[in-house]
Amino acid sequence: MKIKISKIAVLFLWLIITSCDSDHYDNDFIPNPSETNPLQTVSYLALGDSYTIGQSVCETCRFPEQLKKNLENSNANNTFALKIIAQTGWTTTSLISAINAQILTPNYDLVTLLIGVNNQFQNRAFSIYEKEFPELVNKAIVLAKGDKSNLIVVSIPDYAYTTYGQRLGNPDKISTEIDNYNAFAQQYCLENKIEFVFITDITREGLQNPLLVASDGLHPSELAYSYFVQRILPKAKIATQN
């Protein structure tokens, strides 16, 4: 009788042990969704001047912030980190100096570049832009992991179609000169297979649609920037999915 009881006890103990081992095995190998699909951080660098920093609009209203938000909304598997190097009044020379003054790691998944209006506004020689725009593009490509497909160049808005621009006089001259800057940038991008997004026509609706102009009567509004983003977003999605 004692022998039978011992055998039953051993069998019962063995069942308990194997049951515990089985539970432990299952827990070790059931995948945790948060571990198998961790959020990836996509880094975005925006280079420019007042049109990038968003003069006279709120921080979340400027186009880089709106672009970042739209990218986040369309990709739940990624988080997006935005860095802006831009300031009102900057020329191509200013932007080059600002980039050189910072220690930047060349690991950005997306870079946008919008520069040149202050070269025109400050009556700088066009030859400066012809020299420095390609230099900025090359710096931007280096920062974009050395991959030109991660770079998007945005055309220069036309401030002639604002109340401020009209008060300066000779708006046709302003538009013609901005066309020259954009034509050079677009041709350079075309020859070098770099994405170029044209948004200048949006800003040329500023007189007939004052909602496209910020409260200062000169810079694009939040609404105008949202239209910029509509055109930039498809290219940015491709760049950040590479």
C-alpha atoms as a PDB file:
ATOM      1  CA  MET A   1       0.000   0.000   0.000  1.00  0.00           C
ATOM      2  CA  LYS A   2       2.841   2.384   0.832  1.00  0.00           C
ATOM      3  CA  ILE A   3       4.513   1.565  -2.474  1.00  0.00           C
ATOM      4  CA  LYS A   4       1.341   2.433  -4.383  1.00  0.00           C
ATOM      5  CA  ILE A   5       0.992   5.721  -2.536  1.00  0.00           C
ATOM      6  CA  SER A   6       4.618   6.629  -3.295  1.00  0.00           C
ATOM      7  CA  LYS A   7       4.163   5.915  -6.968  1.00  0.00           C
ATOM      8  CA  ILE A   8       1.066   8.102  -7.067  1.00  0.00           C
ATOM      9  CA  ALA A   9       2.911  10.912  -5.261  1.00  0.00           C
ATOM     10  CA  VAL A  10       5.834  10.739  -7.679  1.00  0.00           C
ATOM     11  CA  LEU A  11       3.477  10.787 -10.655  1.00  0.00           C
ATOM     12  CA  PHE A  12       1.604  13.777  -9.239  1.00  0.00           C
ATOM     13  CA  LEU A  13       4.884  15.646  -8.597  1.00  0.00           C
ATOM     14  CA  TRP A  14       6.080  14.891 -12.151  1.00  0.00           C
ATOM     15  CA  LEU A  15       2.846  16.294 -13.599  1.00  0.00           C
ATOM     16  CA  ILE A  16       3.269  19.507 -11.602  1.00  0.00           C
ATOM     17  CA  ILE A  17       6.881  19.953 -12.726  1.00  0.00           C
ATOM     18  CA  THR A  18       6.165  19.329 -16.402  1.00  0.00           C
ATOM     19  CA  SER A  19       3.172  21.639 -16.231  1.00  0.00           C
ATOM     20  CA  CYS A  20       5.373  24.414 -14.820  1.00  0.00           C
ATOM     21  CA  ASP A  21       8.028  23.801 -17.462  1.00  0.00           C
ATOM     22  CA  SER A  22       5.418  23.954 -20.170  1.00  0.00           C
ATOM     23  CA  ASP A  23       4.148  27.309 -18.914  1.00  0.00           C
ATOM     24  CA  HIS A  24       7.664  28.662 -18.756  1.00  0.00           C
ATOM     25  CA  TYR A  25       8.380  27.520 -22.310  1.00  0.00           C
ATOM     26  CA  ASP A  26       5.220  29.164 -23.649  1.00  0.00           C
ATOM     27  CA  ASN A  27       5.949  32.474 -21.955  1.00  0.00           C
ATOM     28  CA  ASP A  28       9.449  32.571 -23.361  1.00  0.00           C
ATOM     29  CA  PHE A  29       8.371  32.101 -26.944  1.00  0.00           C
ATOM     30  CA  ILE A  30       5.095  34.030 -27.228  1.00  0.00           C
ATOM     31  CA  PRO A  31       6.137  37.140 -29.197  1.00  0.00           C
ATOM     32  CA  ASN A  32       5.399  40.518 -27.661  1.00  0.00           C
ATOM     33  CA  PRO A  33       4.141  42.867 -30.395  1.00  0.00           C
ATOM     34  CA  SER A  34       5.882  45.828 -28.804  1.00  0.00           C
ATOM     35  CA  GLU A  35       9.185  43.933 -28.926  1.00  0.00           C
ATOM     36  CA  THR A  36       8.876  42.461 -32.404  1.00  0.00           C
ATOM     37  CA  ASN A  37       7.695  45.746 -33.940  1.00  0.00           C
ATOM     38  CA  PRO A  38       9.458  48.536 -32.042  1.00  0.00           C
ATOM     39  CA  LEU A  39       8.797  52.103 -33.128  1.00  0.00           C
ATOM     40  CA  GLN A  40      11.515  53.444 -35.405  1.00  0.00           C
ATOM     41  CA  THR A  41      12.609  57.086 -35.161  1.00  0.00           C
ATOM     42  CA  VAL A  42      12.793  58.926 -38.476  1.00  0.00           C
ATOM     43  CA  SER A  43      14.987  62.031 -38.365  1.00  0.00           C
ATOM     44  CA  TYR A  44      14.051  65.101 -40.425  1.00  0.00           C
ATOM     45  CA  LEU A  45      16.258  68.160 -40.963  1.00  0.00           C
ATOM     46  CA  ALA A  46      14.744  71.371 -42.387  1.00  0.00           C
ATOM     47  CA  LEU A  47      17.186  73.924 -43.792  1.00  0.00           C
ATOM     48  CA  GLY A  48      16.221  77.433 -44.857  1.00  0.00           C
ATOM     49  CA  ASP A  49      15.223  80.943 -43.902  1.00  0.00           C
ATOM     50  CA  SER A  50      12.020  82.673 -42.715  1.00  0.00           C
ATOM     51  CA  TYR A  51       9.897  80.399 -44.915  1.00  0.00           C
ATOM     52  CA  THR A  52      11.231  77.382 -43.022  1.00  0.00           C
ATOM     53  CA  ILE A  53      11.272  78.808 -39.497  1.00  0.00           C
ATOM     54  CA  GLY A  54       7.744  80.097 -40.114  1.00  0.00           C
ATOM     55  CA  GLN A  55       8.003  83.831 -39.530  1.00  0.00           C
ATOM     56  CA  SER A  56       4.722  85.261 -38.173  1.00  0.00           C
ATOM     57  CA  VAL A  57       2.987  81.890 -37.723  1.00  0.00           C
ATOM     58  CA  CYS A  58       2.879  79.563 -34.716  1.00  0.00           C
ATOM     59  CA  GLU A  59       5.557  76.894 -34.245  1.00  0.00           C
ATOM     60  CA  THR A  60       3.226  74.064 -35.235  1.00  0.00           C
ATOM     61  CA  CYS A  61       1.979  76.077 -38.234  1.00  0.00           C
ATOM     62  CA  ARG A  62       5.252  76.223 -40.165  1.00  0.00           C
ATOM     63  CA  PHE A  63       5.593  73.766 -42.984  1.00  0.00           C
ATOM     64  CA  PRO A  64       8.260  71.468 -41.438  1.00  0.00           C
ATOM     65  CA  GLU A  65       6.045  70.909 -38.387  1.00  0.00           C
ATOM     66  CA  GLN A  66       2.984  70.316 -40.557  1.00  0.00           C
ATOM     67  CA  LEU A  67       4.973  67.903 -42.719  1.00  0.00           C
ATOM     68  CA  LYS A  68       6.211  66.045 -39.639  1.00  0.00           C
ATOM     69  CA  LYS A  69       2.650  65.707 -38.320  1.00  0.00           C
ATOM     70  CA  ASN A  70       1.340  64.437 -41.655  1.00  0.00           C
ATOM     71  CA  LEU A  71       4.139  61.872 -41.851  1.00  0.00           C
ATOM     72  CA  GLU A  72       3.358  60.688 -38.325  1.00  0.00           C
ATOM     73  CA  ASN A  73      -0.338  60.372 -39.160  1.00  0.00           C
ATOM     74  CA  SER A  74       0.416  58.266 -42.222  1.00  0.00           C
ATOM     75  CA  ASN A  75       2.935  55.968 -40.513  1.00  0.00           C
ATOM     76  CA  ALA A  76       1.982  54.604 -37.124  1.00  0.00           C
ATOM     77  CA  ASN A  77       5.119  52.457 -36.960  1.00  0.00           C
ATOM     78  CA  ASN A  78       7.492  55.422 -36.811  1.00  0.00           C
ATOM     79  CA  THR A  79       8.100  58.444 -34.669  1.00  0.00           C
ATOM     80  CA  PHE A  80       9.567  61.569 -36.270  1.00  0.00           C
ATOM     81  CA  ALA A  81      12.238  63.862 -34.856  1.00  0.00           C
ATOM     82  CA  LEU A  82      12.530  67.319 -36.426  1.00  0.00           C
ATOM     83  CA  LYS A  83      15.521  69.669 -36.346  1.00  0.00           C
ATOM     84  CA  ILE A  84      15.313  73.102 -37.992  1.00  0.00           C
ATOM     85  CA  ILE A  85      18.295  75.199 -39.039  1.00  0.00           C
ATOM     86  CA  ALA A  86      16.738  78.392 -40.345  1.00  0.00           C
ATOM     87  CA  GLN A  87      16.352  82.045 -39.482  1.00  0.00           C
ATOM     88  CA  THR A  88      14.601  85.058 -40.910  1.00  0.00           C
ATOM     89  CA  GLY A  89      16.880  87.034 -43.218  1.00  0.00           C
ATOM     90  CA  TRP A  90      19.308  84.239 -43.964  1.00  0.00           C
ATOM     91  CA  THR A  91      20.921  84.114 -47.393  1.00  0.00           C
ATOM     92  CA  THR A  92      22.694  81.101 -48.869  1.00  0.00           C
ATOM     93  CA  THR A  93      25.887  82.442 -47.288  1.00  0.00           C
ATOM     94  CA  SER A  94      24.210  82.644 -43.863  1.00  0.00           C
ATOM     95  CA  LEU A  95      22.889  79.099 -44.085  1.00  0.00           C
ATOM     96  CA  ILE A  96      26.263  77.685 -45.082  1.00  0.00           C
ATOM     97  CA  SER A  97      27.854  79.417 -42.086  1.00  0.00           C
ATOM     98  CA  ALA A  98      25.158  78.116 -39.743  1.00  0.00           C
ATOM     99  CA  ILE A  99      25.588  74.529 -40.936  1.00  0.00           C
ATOM    100  CA  ASN A 100      29.371  74.764 -40.637  1.00  0.00           C
ATOM    101  CA  ALA A 101      29.055  76.147 -37.101  1.00  0.00           C
ATOM    102  CA  GLN A 102      27.144  73.107 -35.866  1.00  0.00           C
ATOM    103  CA  ILE A 103      28.250  69.558 -35.199  1.00  0.00           C
ATOM    104  CA  LEU A 104      25.725  67.572 -37.208  1.00  0.00           C
ATOM    105  CA  THR A 105      25.615  63.813 -37.530  1.00  0.00           C
ATOM    106  CA  PRO A 106      24.986  62.834 -41.163  1.00  0.00           C
ATOM    107  CA  ASN A 107      22.163  60.421 -40.400  1.00  0.00           C
ATOM    108  CA  TYR A 108      18.997  62.283 -41.437  1.00  0.00           C
ATOM    109  CA  ASP A 109      16.330  60.248 -43.195  1.00  0.00           C
ATOM    110  CA  LEU A 110      14.802  63.366 -44.750  1.00  0.00           C
ATOM    111  CA  VAL A 111      16.190  66.836 -45.496  1.00  0.00           C
ATOM    112  CA  THR A 112      14.317  69.775 -47.005  1.00  0.00           C
ATOM    113  CA  LEU A 113      16.041  72.842 -48.405  1.00  0.00           C
ATOM    114  CA  LEU A 114      14.308  76.157 -49.151  1.00  0.00           C
ATOM    115  CA  ILE A 115      16.693  79.083 -49.582  1.00  0.00           C
ATOM    116  CA  GLY A 116      17.392  82.084 -51.798  1.00  0.00           C
ATOM    117  CA  VAL A 117      14.732  84.718 -51.249  1.00  0.00           C
ATOM    118  CA  ASN A 118      17.054  86.887 -49.162  1.00  0.00           C
ATOM    119  CA  ASN A 119      19.738  86.741 -51.827  1.00  0.00           C
ATOM    120  CA  GLN A 120      17.183  88.357 -54.113  1.00  0.00           C
ATOM    121  CA  PHE A 121      15.708  90.678 -51.463  1.00  0.00           C
ATOM    122  CA  GLN A 122      19.137  91.962 -50.395  1.00  0.00           C
ATOM    123  CA  ASN A 123      20.210  92.465 -54.027  1.00  0.00           C
ATOM    124  CA  ARG A 124      23.079  89.993 -53.764  1.00  0.00           C
ATOM    125  CA  ALA A 125      24.792  89.118 -57.027  1.00  0.00           C
ATOM    126  CA  PHE A 126      23.045  86.170 -58.679  1.00  0.00           C
ATOM    127  CA  SER A 127      26.461  84.562 -59.152  1.00  0.00           C
ATOM    128  CA  ILE A 128      26.597  84.036 -55.366  1.00  0.00           C
ATOM    129  CA  TYR A 129      23.495  81.878 -55.552  1.00  0.00           C
ATOM    130  CA  GLU A 130      24.863  80.025 -58.568  1.00  0.00           C
ATOM    131  CA  LYS A 131      27.920  79.105 -56.499  1.00  0.00           C
ATOM    132  CA  GLU A 132      26.378  78.559 -53.082  1.00  0.00           C
ATOM    133  CA  PHE A 133      23.133  76.763 -53.930  1.00  0.00           C
ATOM    134  CA  PRO A 134      24.997  73.688 -55.285  1.00  0.00           C
ATOM    135  CA  GLU A 135      27.247  73.839 -52.222  1.00  0.00           C
ATOM    136  CA  LEU A 136      24.206  73.744 -49.949  1.00  0.00           C
ATOM    137  CA  VAL A 137      22.672  70.894 -51.911  1.00  0.00           C
ATOM    138  CA  ASN A 138      25.842  68.862 -51.509  1.00  0.00           C
ATOM    139  CA  LYS A 139      25.986  69.600 -47.781  1.00  0.00           C
ATOM    140  CA  ALA A 140      22.347  68.548 -47.491  1.00  0.00           C
ATOM    141  CA  ILE A 141      23.015  65.273 -49.300  1.00  0.00           C
ATOM    142  CA  VAL A 142      25.881  64.467 -46.941  1.00  0.00           C
ATOM    143  CA  LEU A 143      23.587  65.104 -43.969  1.00  0.00           C
ATOM    144  CA  ALA A 144      20.919  62.918 -45.606  1.00  0.00           C
ATOM    145  CA  LYS A 145      23.107  59.842 -45.150  1.00  0.00           C
ATOM    146  CA  GLY A 146      24.832  60.627 -48.423  1.00  0.00           C
ATOM    147  CA  ASP A 147      21.642  59.656 -50.269  1.00  0.00           C
ATOM    148  CA  LYS A 148      20.245  62.287 -52.647  1.00  0.00           C
ATOM    149  CA  SER A 149      16.868  60.526 -52.653  1.00  0.00           C
ATOM    150  CA  ASN A 150      16.448  61.713 -49.048  1.00  0.00           C
ATOM    151  CA  LEU A 151      16.643  65.375 -50.092  1.00  0.00           C
ATOM    152  CA  ILE A 152      13.751  67.575 -51.241  1.00  0.00           C
ATOM    153  CA  VAL A 153      14.388  71.088 -52.544  1.00  0.00           C
ATOM    154  CA  VAL A 154      11.436  73.486 -52.309  1.00  0.00           C
ATOM    155  CA  SER A 155      11.016  76.452 -54.646  1.00  0.00           C
ATOM    156  CA  ILE A 156      11.152  80.042 -53.388  1.00  0.00           C
ATOM    157  CA  PRO A 157       7.778  81.714 -52.660  1.00  0.00           C
ATOM    158  CA  ASP A 158       6.949  84.972 -54.440  1.00  0.00           C
ATOM    159  CA  TYR A 159       6.440  87.808 -51.959  1.00  0.00           C
ATOM    160  CA  ALA A 160       5.458  90.197 -54.768  1.00  0.00           C
ATOM    161  CA  TYR A 161       1.918  88.870 -54.295  1.00  0.00           C
ATOM    162  CA  THR A 162       1.613  90.246 -50.768  1.00  0.00           C
ATOM    163  CA  THR A 163       0.611  93.696 -49.541  1.00  0.00           C
ATOM    164  CA  TYR A 164       4.170  94.235 -48.305  1.00  0.00           C
ATOM    165  CA  GLY A 165       5.620  93.243 -51.654  1.00  0.00           C
ATOM    166  CA  GLN A 166       3.233  95.550 -53.473  1.00  0.00           C
ATOM    167  CA  ARG A 167       4.288  98.496 -51.301  1.00  0.00           C
ATOM    168  CA  LEU A 168       7.919  97.944 -52.264  1.00  0.00           C
ATOM    169  CA  GLY A 169       7.062  98.828 -55.847  1.00  0.00           C
ATOM    170  CA  ASN A 170       7.904  97.069 -59.107  1.00  0.00           C
ATOM    171  CA  PRO A 171       6.407  93.669 -58.212  1.00  0.00           C
ATOM    172  CA  ASP A 172       7.034  92.394 -61.737  1.00  0.00           C
ATOM    173  CA  LYS A 173      10.766  92.772 -61.187  1.00  0.00           C
ATOM    174  CA  ILE A 174      10.541  90.790 -57.942  1.00  0.00           C
ATOM    175  CA  SER A 175       8.660  87.969 -59.659  1.00  0.00           C
ATOM    176  CA  THR A 176      11.053  87.867 -62.608  1.00  0.00           C
ATOM    177  CA  GLU A 177      14.083  87.643 -60.345  1.00  0.00           C
ATOM    178  CA  ILE A 178      12.503  84.927 -58.189  1.00  0.00           C
ATOM    179  CA  ASP A 179      11.697  83.034 -61.384  1.00  0.00           C
ATOM    180  CA  ASN A 180      15.385  83.191 -62.275  1.00  0.00           C
ATOM    181  CA  TYR A 181      16.398  81.778 -58.902  1.00  0.00           C
ATOM    182  CA  ASN A 182      13.844  78.992 -59.112  1.00  0.00           C
ATOM    183  CA  ALA A 183      14.755  78.153 -62.704  1.00  0.00           C
ATOM    184  CA  PHE A 184      18.405  77.751 -61.743  1.00  0.00           C
ATOM    185  CA  ALA A 185      17.571  75.575 -58.723  1.00  0.00           C
ATOM    186  CA  GLN A 186      15.096  73.440 -60.652  1.00  0.00           C
ATOM    187  CA  GLN A 187      17.516  72.865 -63.533  1.00  0.00           C
ATOM    188  CA  TYR A 188      20.304  71.936 -61.128  1.00  0.00           C
ATOM    189  CA  CYS A 189      18.033  69.454 -59.364  1.00  0.00           C
ATOM    190  CA  LEU A 190      16.854  68.000 -62.660  1.00  0.00           C
ATOM    191  CA  GLU A 191      20.408  67.470 -63.889  1.00  0.00           C
ATOM    192  CA  ASN A 192      21.413  65.839 -60.599  1.00  0.00           C
ATOM    193  CA  LYS A 193      18.256  63.752 -60.104  1.00  0.00           C
ATOM    194  CA  ILE A 194      17.167  65.565 -56.941  1.00  0.00           C
ATOM    195  CA  GLU A 195      13.513  66.066 -56.016  1.00  0.00           C
ATOM    196  CA  PHE A 196      12.319  69.622 -56.595  1.00  0.00           C
ATOM    197  CA  VAL A 197       8.865  70.667 -55.390  1.00  0.00           C
ATOM    198  CA  PHE A 198       7.381  73.813 -56.927  1.00  0.00           C
ATOM    199  CA  ILE A 199       5.145  75.820 -54.560  1.00  0.00           C
ATOM    200  CA  THR A 200       5.671  79.354 -55.918  1.00  0.00           C
ATOM    201  CA  ASP A 201       2.333  79.403 -57.722  1.00  0.00           C
ATOM    202  CA  ILE A 202       0.533  78.898 -54.407  1.00  0.00           C
ATOM    203  CA  THR A 203       1.992  82.129 -53.040  1.00  0.00           C
ATOM    204  CA  ARG A 204       1.019  83.968 -56.234  1.00  0.00           C
ATOM    205  CA  GLU A 205      -2.592  83.650 -55.110  1.00  0.00           C
ATOM    206  CA  GLY A 206      -1.843  85.853 -52.094  1.00  0.00           C
ATOM    207  CA  LEU A 207      -3.463  89.037 -53.363  1.00  0.00           C
ATOM    208  CA  GLN A 208      -6.732  87.429 -54.380  1.00  0.00           C
ATOM    209  CA  ASN A 209      -6.756  85.171 -51.320  1.00  0.00           C
ATOM    210  CA  PRO A 210      -5.384  87.082 -48.309  1.00  0.00           C
ATOM    211  CA  LEU A 211      -5.815  83.963 -46.148  1.00  0.00           C
ATOM    212  CA  LEU A 212      -2.639  82.660 -47.775  1.00  0.00           C
ATOM    213  CA  VAL A 213      -0.623  85.505 -46.221  1.00  0.00           C
ATOM    214  CA  ALA A 214       0.399  85.752 -42.559  1.00  0.00           C
ATOM    215  CA  SER A 215      -0.572  88.651 -40.319  1.00  0.00           C
ATOM    216  CA  ASP A 216       2.646  90.535 -41.182  1.00  0.00           C
ATOM    217  CA  GLY A 217       1.425  90.948 -44.757  1.00  0.00           C
ATOM    218  CA  LEU A 218       4.570  89.312 -46.154  1.00  0.00           C
ATOM    219  CA  HIS A 219       5.083  85.665 -45.213  1.00  0.00           C
ATOM    220  CA  PRO A 220       2.928  82.608 -45.982  1.00  0.00           C
ATOM    221  CA  SER A 221       0.174  81.722 -43.546  1.00  0.00           C
ATOM    222  CA  GLU A 222      -0.565  78.389 -41.898  1.00  0.00           C
ATOM    223  CA  LEU A 223      -3.025  77.712 -44.722  1.00  0.00           C
ATOM    224  CA  ALA A 224      -0.406  78.399 -47.399  1.00  0.00           C
ATOM    225  CA  TYR A 225       2.046  76.111 -45.643  1.00  0.00           C
ATOM    226  CA  SER A 226      -0.576  73.367 -45.570  1.00  0.00           C
ATOM    227  CA  TYR A 227      -0.768  73.616 -49.361  1.00  0.00           C
ATOM    228  CA  PHE A 228       3.042  73.389 -49.514  1.00  0.00           C
ATOM    229  CA  VAL A 229       2.864  70.202 -47.479  1.00  0.00           C
ATOM    230  CA  GLN A 230       0.283  68.653 -49.787  1.00  0.00           C
ATOM    231  CA  ARG A 231       2.863  68.807 -52.561  1.00  0.00           C
ATOM    232  CA  ILE A 232       5.895  67.860 -50.464  1.00  0.00           C
ATOM    233  CA  LEU A 233       4.258  64.983 -48.571  1.00  0.00           C
ATOM    234  CA  PRO A 234       4.204  62.346 -51.367  1.00  0.00           C
ATOM    235  CA  LYS A 235       7.931  62.863 -51.979  1.00  0.00           C
ATOM    236  CA  ALA A 236       8.663  62.849 -48.236  1.00  0.00           C
ATOM    237  CA  LYS A 237       6.803  59.548 -47.788  1.00  0.00           C
ATOM    238  CA  ILE A 238       8.966  57.929 -50.431  1.00  0.00           C
ATOM    239  CA  ALA A 239      12.157  59.283 -48.851  1.00  0.00           C
ATOM    240  CA  THR A 240      11.250  58.114 -45.341  1.00  0.00           C
ATOM    241  CA  GLN A 241      10.199  54.657 -46.510  1.00  0.00           C
ATOM    242  CA  ASN A 242      13.539  53.933 -48.190  1.00  0.00           C
END
